[in-house]
PDB file of N, CA and C in Angstrom:
ATOM      1  N   MET A   1       0.828  -1.188   0.000  1.00  0.00           N
ATOM      2  CA  MET A   1       0.000   0.000   0.000  1.00  0.00           C
ATOM      3  C   MET A   1       0.866   1.242   0.000  1.00  0.00           C
ATOM      4  N   ASN A   2       0.293   2.231  -0.525  1.00  0.00           N
ATOM      5  CA  ASN A   2       0.975   3.512  -0.607  1.00  0.00           C
ATOM      6  C   ASN A   2       0.860   4.245   0.733  1.00  0.00           C
ATOM      7  N   GLN A   3       1.914   4.928   1.116  1.00  0.00           N
ATOM      8  CA  GLN A   3       1.955   5.664   2.388  1.00  0.00           C
ATOM      9  C   GLN A   3       0.856   6.726   2.434  1.00  0.00           C
ATOM     10  N   ILE A   4       0.575   7.381   1.330  1.00  0.00           N
ATOM     11  CA  ILE A   4      -0.443   8.432   1.278  1.00  0.00           C
ATOM     12  C   ILE A   4      -1.829   7.843   1.493  1.00  0.00           C
ATOM     13  N   SER A   5      -2.141   6.687   0.926  1.00  0.00           N
ATOM     14  CA  SER A   5      -3.467   6.095   1.077  1.00  0.00           C
ATOM     15  C   SER A   5      -3.709   5.639   2.518  1.00  0.00           C
ATOM     16  N   ILE A   6      -2.658   5.211   3.233  1.00  0.00           N
ATOM     17  CA  ILE A   6      -2.806   4.834   4.642  1.00  0.00           C
ATOM     18  C   ILE A   6      -3.152   6.070   5.473  1.00  0.00           C
ATOM     19  N   ILE A   7      -2.458   7.151   5.242  1.00  0.00           N
ATOM     20  CA  ILE A   7      -2.722   8.396   5.974  1.00  0.00           C
ATOM     21  C   ILE A   7      -4.127   8.907   5.655  1.00  0.00           C
ATOM     22  N   GLU A   8      -4.522   8.831   4.386  1.00  0.00           N
ATOM     23  CA  GLU A   8      -5.871   9.249   4.001  1.00  0.00           C
ATOM     24  C   GLU A   8      -6.922   8.393   4.696  1.00  0.00           C
ATOM     25  N   GLY A   9      -6.678   7.094   4.791  1.00  0.00           N
ATOM     26  CA  GLY A   9      -7.610   6.196   5.481  1.00  0.00           C
ATOM     27  C   GLY A   9      -7.741   6.533   6.955  1.00  0.00           C
ATOM     28  N   ILE A  10      -6.614   6.850   7.582  1.00  0.00           N
ATOM     29  CA  ILE A  10      -6.638   7.230   8.997  1.00  0.00           C
ATOM     30  C   ILE A  10      -7.423   8.529   9.178  1.00  0.00           C
ATOM     31  N   ILE A  11      -7.189   9.488   8.311  1.00  0.00           N
ATOM     32  CA  ILE A  11      -7.894  10.775   8.399  1.00  0.00           C
ATOM     33  C   ILE A  11      -9.391  10.581   8.172  1.00  0.00           C
ATOM     34  N   ILE A  12      -9.749   9.805   7.157  1.00  0.00           N
ATOM     35  CA  ILE A  12     -11.157   9.549   6.867  1.00  0.00           C
ATOM     36  C   ILE A  12     -11.825   8.838   8.048  1.00  0.00           C
ATOM     37  N   GLY A  13     -11.142   7.856   8.618  1.00  0.00           N
ATOM     38  CA  GLY A  13     -11.693   7.143   9.775  1.00  0.00           C
ATOM     39  C   GLY A  13     -11.869   8.043  10.986  1.00  0.00           C
ATOM     40  N   ALA A  14     -10.889   8.901  11.232  1.00  0.00           N
ATOM     41  CA  ALA A  14     -10.972   9.814  12.380  1.00  0.00           C
ATOM     42  C   ALA A  14     -12.101  10.825  12.199  1.00  0.00           C
ATOM     43  N   VAL A  15     -12.200  11.392  11.003  1.00  0.00           N
ATOM     44  CA  VAL A  15     -13.261  12.371  10.740  1.00  0.00           C
ATOM     45  C   VAL A  15     -14.628  11.697  10.804  1.00  0.00           C
ATOM     46  N   GLY A  16     -14.737  10.516  10.215  1.00  0.00           N
ATOM     47  CA  GLY A  16     -16.006   9.780  10.265  1.00  0.00           C
ATOM     48  C   GLY A  16     -16.407   9.439  11.692  1.00  0.00           C
ATOM     49  N   GLY A  17     -15.438   9.011  12.496  1.00  0.00           N
ATOM     50  CA  GLY A  17     -15.718   8.710  13.900  1.00  0.00           C
ATOM     51  C   GLY A  17     -16.142   9.943  14.679  1.00  0.00           C
ATOM     52  N   ALA A  18     -15.485  11.059  14.404  1.00  0.00           N
ATOM     53  CA  ALA A  18     -15.848  12.309  15.083  1.00  0.00           C
ATOM     54  C   ALA A  18     -17.255  12.754  14.701  1.00  0.00           C
ATOM     55  N   ILE A  19     -17.589  12.628  13.431  1.00  0.00           N
ATOM     56  CA  ILE A  19     -18.935  13.001  12.979  1.00  0.00           C
ATOM     57  C   ILE A  19     -19.977  12.082  13.609  1.00  0.00           C
ATOM     58  N   ALA A  20     -19.702  10.784  13.635  1.00  0.00           N
ATOM     59  CA  ALA A  20     -20.637   9.840  14.247  1.00  0.00           C
ATOM     60  C   ALA A  20     -20.794  10.122  15.742  1.00  0.00           C
ATOM     61  N   GLY A  21     -19.693  10.405  16.426  1.00  0.00           N
ATOM     62  CA  GLY A  21     -19.762  10.726  17.854  1.00  0.00           C
ATOM     63  C   GLY A  21     -20.562  11.985  18.116  1.00  0.00           C
ATOM     64  N   ALA A  22     -20.354  13.007  17.302  1.00  0.00           N
ATOM     65  CA  ALA A  22     -21.107  14.257  17.456  1.00  0.00           C
ATOM     66  C   ALA A  22     -22.591  14.031  17.187  1.00  0.00           C
ATOM     67  N   PHE A  23     -22.902  13.224  16.188  1.00  0.00           N
ATOM     68  CA  PHE A  23     -24.295  12.922  15.857  1.00  0.00           C
ATOM     69  C   PHE A  23     -24.980  12.193  17.008  1.00  0.00           C
ATOM     70  N   LEU A  24     -24.303  11.198  17.581  1.00  0.00           N
ATOM     71  CA  LEU A  24     -24.882  10.465  18.712  1.00  0.00           C
ATOM     72  C   LEU A  24     -25.054  11.367  19.932  1.00  0.00           C
ATOM     73  N   TRP A  25     -24.117  12.272  20.167  1.00  0.00           N
ATOM     74  CA  TRP A  25     -24.234  13.209  21.281  1.00  0.00           C
ATOM     75  C   TRP A  25     -25.455  14.115  21.102  1.00  0.00           C
ATOM     76  N   VAL A  26     -25.649  14.621  19.865  1.00  0.00           N
ATOM     77  CA  VAL A  26     -26.804  15.479  19.583  1.00  0.00           C
ATOM     78  C   VAL A  26     -28.098  14.701  19.782  1.00  0.00           C
ATOM     79  N   LEU A  27     -28.157  13.465  19.306  1.00  0.00           N
ATOM     80  CA  LEU A  27     -29.357  12.648  19.502  1.00  0.00           C
ATOM     81  C   LEU A  27     -29.644  12.425  20.980  1.00  0.00           C
ATOM     82  N   ASN A  28     -28.616  12.176  21.780  1.00  0.00           N
ATOM     83  CA  ASN A  28     -28.801  11.975  23.212  1.00  0.00           C
ATOM     84  C   ASN A  28     -29.314  13.248  23.885  1.00  0.00           C
ATOM     85  N   GLU A  29     -28.780  14.401  23.504  1.00  0.00           N
ATOM     86  CA  GLU A  29     -29.248  15.672  24.075  1.00  0.00           C
ATOM     87  C   GLU A  29     -30.708  15.930  23.714  1.00  0.00           C
ATOM     88  N   ILE A  30     -31.095  15.602  22.494  1.00  0.00           N
ATOM     89  CA  ILE A  30     -32.491  15.757  22.072  1.00  0.00           C
ATOM     90  C   ILE A  30     -33.390  14.847  22.896  1.00  0.00           C
ATOM     91  N   LYS A  31     -32.959  13.610  23.121  1.00  0.00           N
ATOM     92  CA  LYS A  31     -33.743  12.672  23.927  1.00  0.00           C
ATOM     93  C   LYS A  31     -33.908  13.183  25.355  1.00  0.00           C
ATOM     94  N   ILE A  32     -32.833  13.680  25.946  1.00  0.00           N
ATOM     95  CA  ILE A  32     -32.895  14.220  27.310  1.00  0.00           C
ATOM     96  C   ILE A  32     -33.866  15.397  27.368  1.00  0.00           C
ATOM     97  N   TRP A  33     -33.815  16.280  26.388  1.00  0.00           N
ATOM     98  CA  TRP A  33     -34.700  17.442  26.339  1.00  0.00           C
ATOM     99  C   TRP A  33     -36.160  17.011  26.222  1.00  0.00           C
ATOM    100  N   ILE A  34     -36.439  16.033  25.351  1.00  0.00           N
ATOM    101  CA  ILE A  34     -37.810  15.554  25.154  1.00  0.00           C
ATOM    102  C   ILE A  34     -38.347  14.924  26.435  1.00  0.00           C
ATOM    103  N   VAL A  35     -37.561  14.064  27.074  1.00  0.00           N
ATOM    104  CA  VAL A  35     -38.009  13.395  28.301  1.00  0.00           C
ATOM    105  C   VAL A  35     -38.228  14.411  29.416  1.00  0.00           C
ATOM    106  N   ARG A  36     -37.319  15.376  29.551  1.00  0.00           N
ATOM    107  CA  ARG A  36     -37.464  16.390  30.601  1.00  0.00           C
ATOM    108  C   ARG A  36     -38.727  17.219  30.379  1.00  0.00           C
ATOM    109  N   ASN A  37     -38.983  17.632  29.155  1.00  0.00           N
ATOM    110  CA  ASN A  37     -40.186  18.417  28.869  1.00  0.00           C
ATOM    111  C   ASN A  37     -41.452  17.599  29.061  1.00  0.00           C
ATOM    112  N   ARG A  38     -41.429  16.324  28.675  1.00  0.00           N
ATOM    113  CA  ARG A  38     -42.590  15.464  28.870  1.00  0.00           C
ATOM    114  C   ARG A  38     -42.906  15.306  30.351  1.00  0.00           C
ATOM    115  N   ASP A  39     -41.881  15.014  31.153  1.00  0.00           N
ATOM    116  CA  ASP A  39     -42.086  14.844  32.589  1.00  0.00           C
ATOM    117  C   ASP A  39     -42.501  16.150  33.255  1.00  0.00           C
ATOM    118  N   THR A  40     -41.936  17.270  32.815  1.00  0.00           N
ATOM    119  CA  THR A  40     -42.308  18.569  33.378  1.00  0.00           C
ATOM    120  C   THR A  40     -43.771  18.877  33.092  1.00  0.00           C
ATOM    121  N   LYS A  41     -44.210  18.638  31.871  1.00  0.00           N
ATOM    122  CA  LYS A  41     -45.618  18.872  31.528  1.00  0.00           C
ATOM    123  C   LYS A  41     -46.530  17.980  32.354  1.00  0.00           C
ATOM    124  N   LYS A  42     -46.116  16.732  32.559  1.00  0.00           N
ATOM    125  CA  LYS A  42     -46.907  15.797  33.349  1.00  0.00           C
ATOM    126  C   LYS A  42     -47.065  16.294  34.788  1.00  0.00           C
ATOM    127  N   VAL A  43     -45.971  16.730  35.403  1.00  0.00           N
ATOM    128  CA  VAL A  43     -46.002  17.189  36.795  1.00  0.00           C
ATOM    129  C   VAL A  43     -46.773  18.502  36.913  1.00  0.00           C
ATOM    130  N   VAL A  44     -46.547  19.443  36.008  1.00  0.00           N
ATOM    131  CA  VAL A  44     -47.268  20.722  36.057  1.00  0.00           C
ATOM    132  C   VAL A  44     -48.764  20.489  35.881  1.00  0.00           C
ATOM    133  N   HIS A  45     -49.140  19.626  34.959  1.00  0.00           N
ATOM    134  CA  HIS A  45     -50.561  19.327  34.745  1.00  0.00           C
ATOM    135  C   HIS A  45     -51.167  18.701  35.992  1.00  0.00           C
ATOM    136  N   TRP A  46     -50.468  17.748  36.602  1.00  0.00           N
ATOM    137  CA  TRP A  46     -50.988  17.102  37.807  1.00  0.00           C
ATOM    138  C   TRP A  46     -51.121  18.110  38.946  1.00  0.00           C
ATOM    139  N   LEU A  47     -50.104  18.951  39.137  1.00  0.00           N
ATOM    140  CA  LEU A  47     -50.187  19.964  40.196  1.00  0.00           C
ATOM    141  C   LEU A  47     -51.324  20.947  39.928  1.00  0.00           C
ATOM    142  N   THR A  48     -51.528  21.307  38.679  1.00  0.00           N
ATOM    143  CA  THR A  48     -52.621  22.220  38.336  1.00  0.00           C
ATOM    144  C   THR A  48     -53.967  21.605  38.688  1.00  0.00           C
ATOM    145  N   GLN A  49     -54.120  20.321  38.424  1.00  0.00           N
ATOM    146  CA  GLN A  49     -55.383  19.647  38.702  1.00  0.00           C
ATOM    147  C   GLN A  49     -55.579  19.329  40.181  1.00  0.00           C
ATOM    148  N   ASN A  50     -54.502  19.206  40.940  1.00  0.00           N
ATOM    149  CA  ASN A  50     -54.602  18.715  42.312  1.00  0.00           C
ATOM    150  C   ASN A  50     -54.177  19.712  43.379  1.00  0.00           C
ATOM    151  N   THR A  51     -54.154  20.975  43.039  1.00  0.00           N
ATOM    152  CA  THR A  51     -53.919  22.020  44.035  1.00  0.00           C
ATOM    153  C   THR A  51     -55.036  23.046  43.921  1.00  0.00           C
ATOM    154  N   ALA A  52     -55.216  23.823  44.975  1.00  0.00           N
ATOM    155  CA  ALA A  52     -56.290  24.815  45.007  1.00  0.00           C
ATOM    156  C   ALA A  52     -56.138  25.776  43.830  1.00  0.00           C
ATOM    157  N   PRO A  53     -57.183  26.287  43.252  1.00  0.00           N
ATOM    158  CA  PRO A  53     -58.590  26.148  43.576  1.00  0.00           C
ATOM    159  C   PRO A  53     -59.289  24.981  42.885  1.00  0.00           C
ATOM    160  N   ASN A  54     -58.581  24.182  42.095  1.00  0.00           N
ATOM    161  CA  ASN A  54     -59.225  23.094  41.356  1.00  0.00           C
ATOM    162  C   ASN A  54     -59.426  21.824  42.165  1.00  0.00           C
ATOM    163  N   SER A  55     -58.703  21.658  43.250  1.00  0.00           N
ATOM    164  CA  SER A  55     -58.755  20.387  43.960  1.00  0.00           C
ATOM    165  C   SER A  55     -59.879  20.358  44.981  1.00  0.00           C
ATOM    166  N   LYS A  56     -60.279  19.150  45.337  1.00  0.00           N
ATOM    167  CA  LYS A  56     -61.312  18.947  46.352  1.00  0.00           C
ATOM    168  C   LYS A  56     -60.754  19.156  47.754  1.00  0.00           C
ATOM    169  N   THR A  57     -59.445  19.000  47.908  1.00  0.00           N
ATOM    170  CA  THR A  57     -58.829  19.088  49.234  1.00  0.00           C
ATOM    171  C   THR A  57     -58.423  20.504  49.609  1.00  0.00           C
ATOM    172  N   ASN A  58     -58.469  21.443  48.678  1.00  0.00           N
ATOM    173  CA  ASN A  58     -58.116  22.843  48.914  1.00  0.00           C
ATOM    174  C   ASN A  58     -56.667  23.006  49.378  1.00  0.00           C
ATOM    175  N   GLN A  59     -55.758  22.160  48.882  1.00  0.00           N
ATOM    176  CA  GLN A  59     -54.338  22.253  49.213  1.00  0.00           C
ATOM    177  C   GLN A  59     -53.622  23.087  48.163  1.00  0.00           C
ATOM    178  N   LYS A  60     -52.745  23.991  48.620  1.00  0.00           N
ATOM    179  CA  LYS A  60     -51.919  24.762  47.697  1.00  0.00           C
ATOM    180  C   LYS A  60     -50.614  24.041  47.404  1.00  0.00           C
ATOM    181  N   TRP A  61     -50.149  23.230  48.337  1.00  0.00           N
ATOM    182  CA  TRP A  61     -48.844  22.579  48.241  1.00  0.00           C
ATOM    183  C   TRP A  61     -49.025  21.069  48.242  1.00  0.00           C
ATOM    184  N   ARG A  62     -48.172  20.375  47.472  1.00  0.00           N
ATOM    185  CA  ARG A  62     -48.179  18.911  47.466  1.00  0.00           C
ATOM    186  C   ARG A  62     -46.757  18.419  47.689  1.00  0.00           C
ATOM    187  N   SER A  63     -46.643  17.288  48.369  1.00  0.00           N
ATOM    188  CA  SER A  63     -45.322  16.758  48.717  1.00  0.00           C
ATOM    189  C   SER A  63     -44.660  16.088  47.517  1.00  0.00           C
ATOM    190  N   THR A  64     -43.351  15.981  47.616  1.00  0.00           N
ATOM    191  CA  THR A  64     -42.578  15.301  46.576  1.00  0.00           C
ATOM    192  C   THR A  64     -43.067  13.868  46.416  1.00  0.00           C
ATOM    193  N   ARG A  65     -43.323  13.211  47.532  1.00  0.00           N
ATOM    194  CA  ARG A  65     -43.774  11.816  47.501  1.00  0.00           C
ATOM    195  C   ARG A  65     -45.126  11.684  46.809  1.00  0.00           C
ATOM    196  N   ALA A  66     -46.059  12.588  47.088  1.00  0.00           N
ATOM    197  CA  ALA A  66     -47.380  12.527  46.449  1.00  0.00           C
ATOM    198  C   ALA A  66     -47.265  12.747  44.942  1.00  0.00           C
ATOM    199  N   ILE A  67     -46.467  13.712  44.554  1.00  0.00           N
ATOM    200  CA  ILE A  67     -46.284  13.992  43.121  1.00  0.00           C
ATOM    201  C   ILE A  67     -45.655  12.788  42.430  1.00  0.00           C
ATOM    202  N   ALA A  68     -44.621  12.220  43.049  1.00  0.00           N
ATOM    203  CA  ALA A  68     -43.936  11.062  42.466  1.00  0.00           C
ATOM    204  C   ALA A  68     -44.878   9.872  42.351  1.00  0.00           C
ATOM    205  N   SER A  69     -45.649   9.636  43.386  1.00  0.00           N
ATOM    206  CA  SER A  69     -46.555   8.493  43.402  1.00  0.00           C
ATOM    207  C   SER A  69     -47.623   8.596  42.319  1.00  0.00           C
ATOM    208  N   HIS A  70     -48.218   9.750  42.172  1.00  0.00           N
ATOM    209  CA  HIS A  70     -49.307   9.914  41.213  1.00  0.00           C
ATOM    210  C   HIS A  70     -48.834  10.025  39.770  1.00  0.00           C
ATOM    211  N   ASN A  71     -47.575  10.360  39.558  1.00  0.00           N
ATOM    212  CA  ASN A  71     -47.058  10.523  38.194  1.00  0.00           C
ATOM    213  C   ASN A  71     -46.115   9.410  37.766  1.00  0.00           C
ATOM    214  N   ASN A  72     -45.955   8.393  38.616  1.00  0.00           N
ATOM    215  CA  ASN A  72     -45.100   7.248  38.316  1.00  0.00           C
ATOM    216  C   ASN A  72     -43.663   7.688  38.008  1.00  0.00           C
ATOM    217  N   LEU A  73     -43.149   8.580  38.854  1.00  0.00           N
ATOM    218  CA  LEU A  73     -41.776   9.059  38.742  1.00  0.00           C
ATOM    219  C   LEU A  73     -41.077   8.830  40.077  1.00  0.00           C
ATOM    220  N   THR A  74     -39.762   8.823  40.069  1.00  0.00           N
ATOM    221  CA  THR A  74     -39.033   8.713  41.332  1.00  0.00           C
ATOM    222  C   THR A  74     -39.057  10.072  42.036  1.00  0.00           C
ATOM    223  N   GLU A  75     -38.849  10.041  43.345  1.00  0.00           N
ATOM    224  CA  GLU A  75     -38.816  11.292  44.100  1.00  0.00           C
ATOM    225  C   GLU A  75     -37.666  12.179  43.631  1.00  0.00           C
ATOM    226  N   GLU A  76     -36.549  11.563  43.318  1.00  0.00           N
ATOM    227  CA  GLU A  76     -35.394  12.333  42.826  1.00  0.00           C
ATOM    228  C   GLU A  76     -35.729  13.026  41.502  1.00  0.00           C
ATOM    229  N   ARG A  77     -36.446  12.326  40.630  1.00  0.00           N
ATOM    230  CA  ARG A  77     -36.841  12.914  39.345  1.00  0.00           C
ATOM    231  C   ARG A  77     -37.806  14.083  39.565  1.00  0.00           C
ATOM    232  N   VAL A  78     -38.735  13.930  40.501  1.00  0.00           N
ATOM    233  CA  VAL A  78     -39.677  15.011  40.804  1.00  0.00           C
ATOM    234  C   VAL A  78     -38.930  16.226  41.343  1.00  0.00           C
ATOM    235  N   ARG A  79     -37.956  15.997  42.226  1.00  0.00           N
ATOM    236  CA  ARG A  79     -37.159  17.112  42.756  1.00  0.00           C
ATOM    237  C   ARG A  79     -36.446  17.854  41.623  1.00  0.00           C
ATOM    238  N   TYR A  80     -35.869  17.095  40.707  1.00  0.00           N
ATOM    239  CA  TYR A  80     -35.155  17.709  39.582  1.00  0.00           C
ATOM    240  C   TYR A  80     -36.113  18.513  38.706  1.00  0.00           C
ATOM    241  N   ILE A  81     -37.233  17.913  38.349  1.00  0.00           N
ATOM    242  CA  ILE A  81     -38.202  18.576  37.477  1.00  0.00           C
ATOM    243  C   ILE A  81     -38.757  19.830  38.141  1.00  0.00           C
ATOM    244  N   ALA A  82     -39.125  19.710  39.410  1.00  0.00           N
ATOM    245  CA  ALA A  82     -39.723  20.850  40.112  1.00  0.00           C
ATOM    246  C   ALA A  82     -38.724  21.992  40.279  1.00  0.00           C
ATOM    247  N   SER A  83     -37.479  21.665  40.533  1.00  0.00           N
ATOM    248  CA  SER A  83     -36.486  22.726  40.683  1.00  0.00           C
ATOM    249  C   SER A  83     -36.087  23.318  39.331  1.00  0.00           C
ATOM    250  N   TYR A  84     -36.232  22.559  38.276  1.00  0.00           N
ATOM    251  CA  TYR A  84     -35.900  23.019  36.924  1.00  0.00           C
ATOM    252  C   TYR A  84     -37.009  23.903  36.337  1.00  0.00           C
ATOM    253  N   SER A  85     -38.256  23.580  36.661  1.00  0.00           N
ATOM    254  CA  SER A  85     -39.403  24.261  36.065  1.00  0.00           C
ATOM    255  C   SER A  85     -39.555  25.686  36.590  1.00  0.00           C
ATOM    256  N   ASN A  86     -39.927  26.588  35.709  1.00  0.00           N
ATOM    257  CA  ASN A  86     -40.186  27.972  36.101  1.00  0.00           C
ATOM    258  C   ASN A  86     -41.560  28.147  36.732  1.00  0.00           C
ATOM    259  N   SER A  87     -42.464  27.201  36.541  1.00  0.00           N
ATOM    260  CA  SER A  87     -43.826  27.358  37.050  1.00  0.00           C
ATOM    261  C   SER A  87     -44.074  26.609  38.358  1.00  0.00           C
ATOM    262  N   ILE A  88     -43.078  25.888  38.867  1.00  0.00           N
ATOM    263  CA  ILE A  88     -43.216  25.157  40.128  1.00  0.00           C
ATOM    264  C   ILE A  88     -42.253  25.761  41.141  1.00  0.00           C
ATOM    265  N   VAL A  89     -42.744  25.959  42.372  1.00  0.00           N
ATOM    266  CA  VAL A  89     -41.904  26.542  43.422  1.00  0.00           C
ATOM    267  C   VAL A  89     -41.929  25.663  44.668  1.00  0.00           C
ATOM    268  N   LEU A  90     -40.871  25.771  45.455  1.00  0.00           N
ATOM    269  CA  LEU A  90     -40.725  25.046  46.713  1.00  0.00           C
ATOM    270  C   LEU A  90     -41.262  25.896  47.851  1.00  0.00           C
ATOM    271  N   ASP A  91     -42.009  25.258  48.765  1.00  0.00           N
ATOM    272  CA  ASP A  91     -42.507  25.954  49.952  1.00  0.00           C
ATOM    273  C   ASP A  91     -41.375  26.058  50.960  1.00  0.00           C
ATOM    274  N   THR A  92     -41.019  27.274  51.318  1.00  0.00           N
ATOM    275  CA  THR A  92     -39.918  27.493  52.258  1.00  0.00           C
ATOM    276  C   THR A  92     -40.408  27.984  53.613  1.00  0.00           C
ATOM    277  N   SER A  93     -41.693  27.836  53.890  1.00  0.00           N
ATOM    278  CA  SER A  93     -42.230  28.296  55.169  1.00  0.00           C
ATOM    279  C   SER A  93     -41.771  27.382  56.301  1.00  0.00           C
ATOM    280  N   GLU A  94     -41.840  27.893  57.507  1.00  0.00           N
ATOM    281  CA  GLU A  94     -41.426  27.128  58.691  1.00  0.00           C
ATOM    282  C   GLU A  94     -42.280  25.880  58.877  1.00  0.00           C
ATOM    283  N   ALA A  95     -43.547  25.947  58.505  1.00  0.00           N
ATOM    284  CA  ALA A  95     -44.457  24.819  58.713  1.00  0.00           C
ATOM    285  C   ALA A  95     -44.040  23.586  57.916  1.00  0.00           C
ATOM    286  N   ASN A  96     -43.401  23.780  56.788  1.00  0.00           N
ATOM    287  CA  ASN A  96     -43.044  22.656  55.920  1.00  0.00           C
ATOM    288  C   ASN A  96     -41.540  22.482  55.772  1.00  0.00           C
ATOM    289  N   ARG A  97     -40.779  22.832  56.783  1.00  0.00           N
ATOM    290  CA  ARG A  97     -39.313  22.713  56.720  1.00  0.00           C
ATOM    291  C   ARG A  97     -38.856  21.267  56.575  1.00  0.00           C
ATOM    292  N   ASN A  98     -39.557  20.337  57.202  1.00  0.00           N
ATOM    293  CA  ASN A  98     -39.113  18.943  57.211  1.00  0.00           C
ATOM    294  C   ASN A  98     -39.582  18.150  55.995  1.00  0.00           C
ATOM    295  N   GLU A  99     -40.511  18.692  55.240  1.00  0.00           N
ATOM    296  CA  GLU A  99     -41.040  17.969  54.089  1.00  0.00           C
ATOM    297  C   GLU A  99     -41.021  18.890  52.872  1.00  0.00           C
ATOM    298  N   GLU A 100     -40.555  18.381  51.763  1.00  0.00           N
ATOM    299  CA  GLU A 100     -40.530  19.177  50.534  1.00  0.00           C
ATOM    300  C   GLU A 100     -41.944  19.282  49.989  1.00  0.00           C
ATOM    301  N   MET A 101     -42.437  20.504  49.896  1.00  0.00           N
ATOM    302  CA  MET A 101     -43.773  20.753  49.373  1.00  0.00           C
ATOM    303  C   MET A 101     -43.640  21.675  48.166  1.00  0.00           C
ATOM    304  N   TRP A 102     -44.343  21.335  47.091  1.00  0.00           N
ATOM    305  CA  TRP A 102     -44.243  22.073  45.839  1.00  0.00           C
ATOM    306  C   TRP A 102     -45.615  22.599  45.447  1.00  0.00           C
ATOM    307  N   GLY A 103     -45.632  23.725  44.755  1.00  0.00           N
ATOM    308  CA  GLY A 103     -46.885  24.306  44.292  1.00  0.00           C
ATOM    309  C   GLY A 103     -46.692  25.039  42.978  1.00  0.00           C
ATOM    310  N   ILE A 104     -47.820  25.384  42.363  1.00  0.00           N
ATOM    311  CA  ILE A 104     -47.798  26.158  41.125  1.00  0.00           C
ATOM    312  C   ILE A 104     -47.526  27.616  41.487  1.00  0.00           C
ATOM    313  N   LYS A 105     -46.523  28.193  40.876  1.00  0.00           N
ATOM    314  CA  LYS A 105     -46.050  29.538  41.230  1.00  0.00           C
ATOM    315  C   LYS A 105     -47.159  30.580  41.166  1.00  0.00           C
ATOM    316  N   SER A 106     -47.977  30.550  40.150  1.00  0.00           N
ATOM    317  CA  SER A 106     -49.017  31.569  39.985  1.00  0.00           C
ATOM    318  C   SER A 106     -50.108  31.465  41.046  1.00  0.00           C
ATOM    319  N   ARG A 107     -50.216  30.330  41.719  1.00  0.00           N
ATOM    320  CA  ARG A 107     -51.249  30.152  42.741  1.00  0.00           C
ATOM    321  C   ARG A 107     -50.762  30.423  44.153  1.00  0.00           C
ATOM    322  N   VAL A 108     -49.478  30.326  44.374  1.00  0.00           N
ATOM    323  CA  VAL A 108     -48.974  30.432  45.742  1.00  0.00           C
ATOM    324  C   VAL A 108     -48.163  31.688  45.998  1.00  0.00           C
ATOM    325  N   ARG A 109     -47.745  32.378  44.983  1.00  0.00           N
ATOM    326  CA  ARG A 109     -46.967  33.601  45.137  1.00  0.00           C
ATOM    327  C   ARG A 109     -47.790  34.781  44.631  1.00  0.00           C
ATOM    328  N   LEU A 110     -47.837  35.840  45.421  1.00  0.00           N
ATOM    329  CA  LEU A 110     -48.563  37.029  44.984  1.00  0.00           C
ATOM    330  C   LEU A 110     -47.809  37.755  43.886  1.00  0.00           C
ATOM    331  N   ASN A 111     -46.490  37.832  44.017  1.00  0.00           N
ATOM    332  CA  ASN A 111     -45.651  38.482  43.017  1.00  0.00           C
ATOM    333  C   ASN A 111     -44.981  37.399  42.182  1.00  0.00           C
ATOM    334  N   THR A 112     -45.429  37.197  40.944  1.00  0.00           N
ATOM    335  CA  THR A 112     -44.901  36.125  40.100  1.00  0.00           C
ATOM    336  C   THR A 112     -43.798  36.592  39.171  1.00  0.00           C
ATOM    337  N   ASP A 113     -43.307  37.796  39.356  1.00  0.00           N
ATOM    338  CA  ASP A 113     -42.189  38.354  38.553  1.00  0.00           C
ATOM    339  C   ASP A 113     -42.481  38.206  37.091  1.00  0.00           C
TER     340      ASP A 113
END
């Protein structure tokens, strides 16, 4: 084989591998974005339906465990989604210091910025 064709093969293989790696990375990022948005919509919809004024229990805040249980998600996933979402807020009052309670921002905050 010619020395030039070996070098060309190495270059073609490296460039092809880099393109394939970049393509797979982009596909993975798209998948992560889709799953995060799907789960966020699911949690926001559930909180909207199950917090005051729409709920029968008249609760403004719901626990991480309740949200996870009703949406078939792990508690860790609910924490991530709720902290990531702009429409969900954490209750920081003294009454709920020991339990993570989440609510819809427009319903629990007077100033929604």
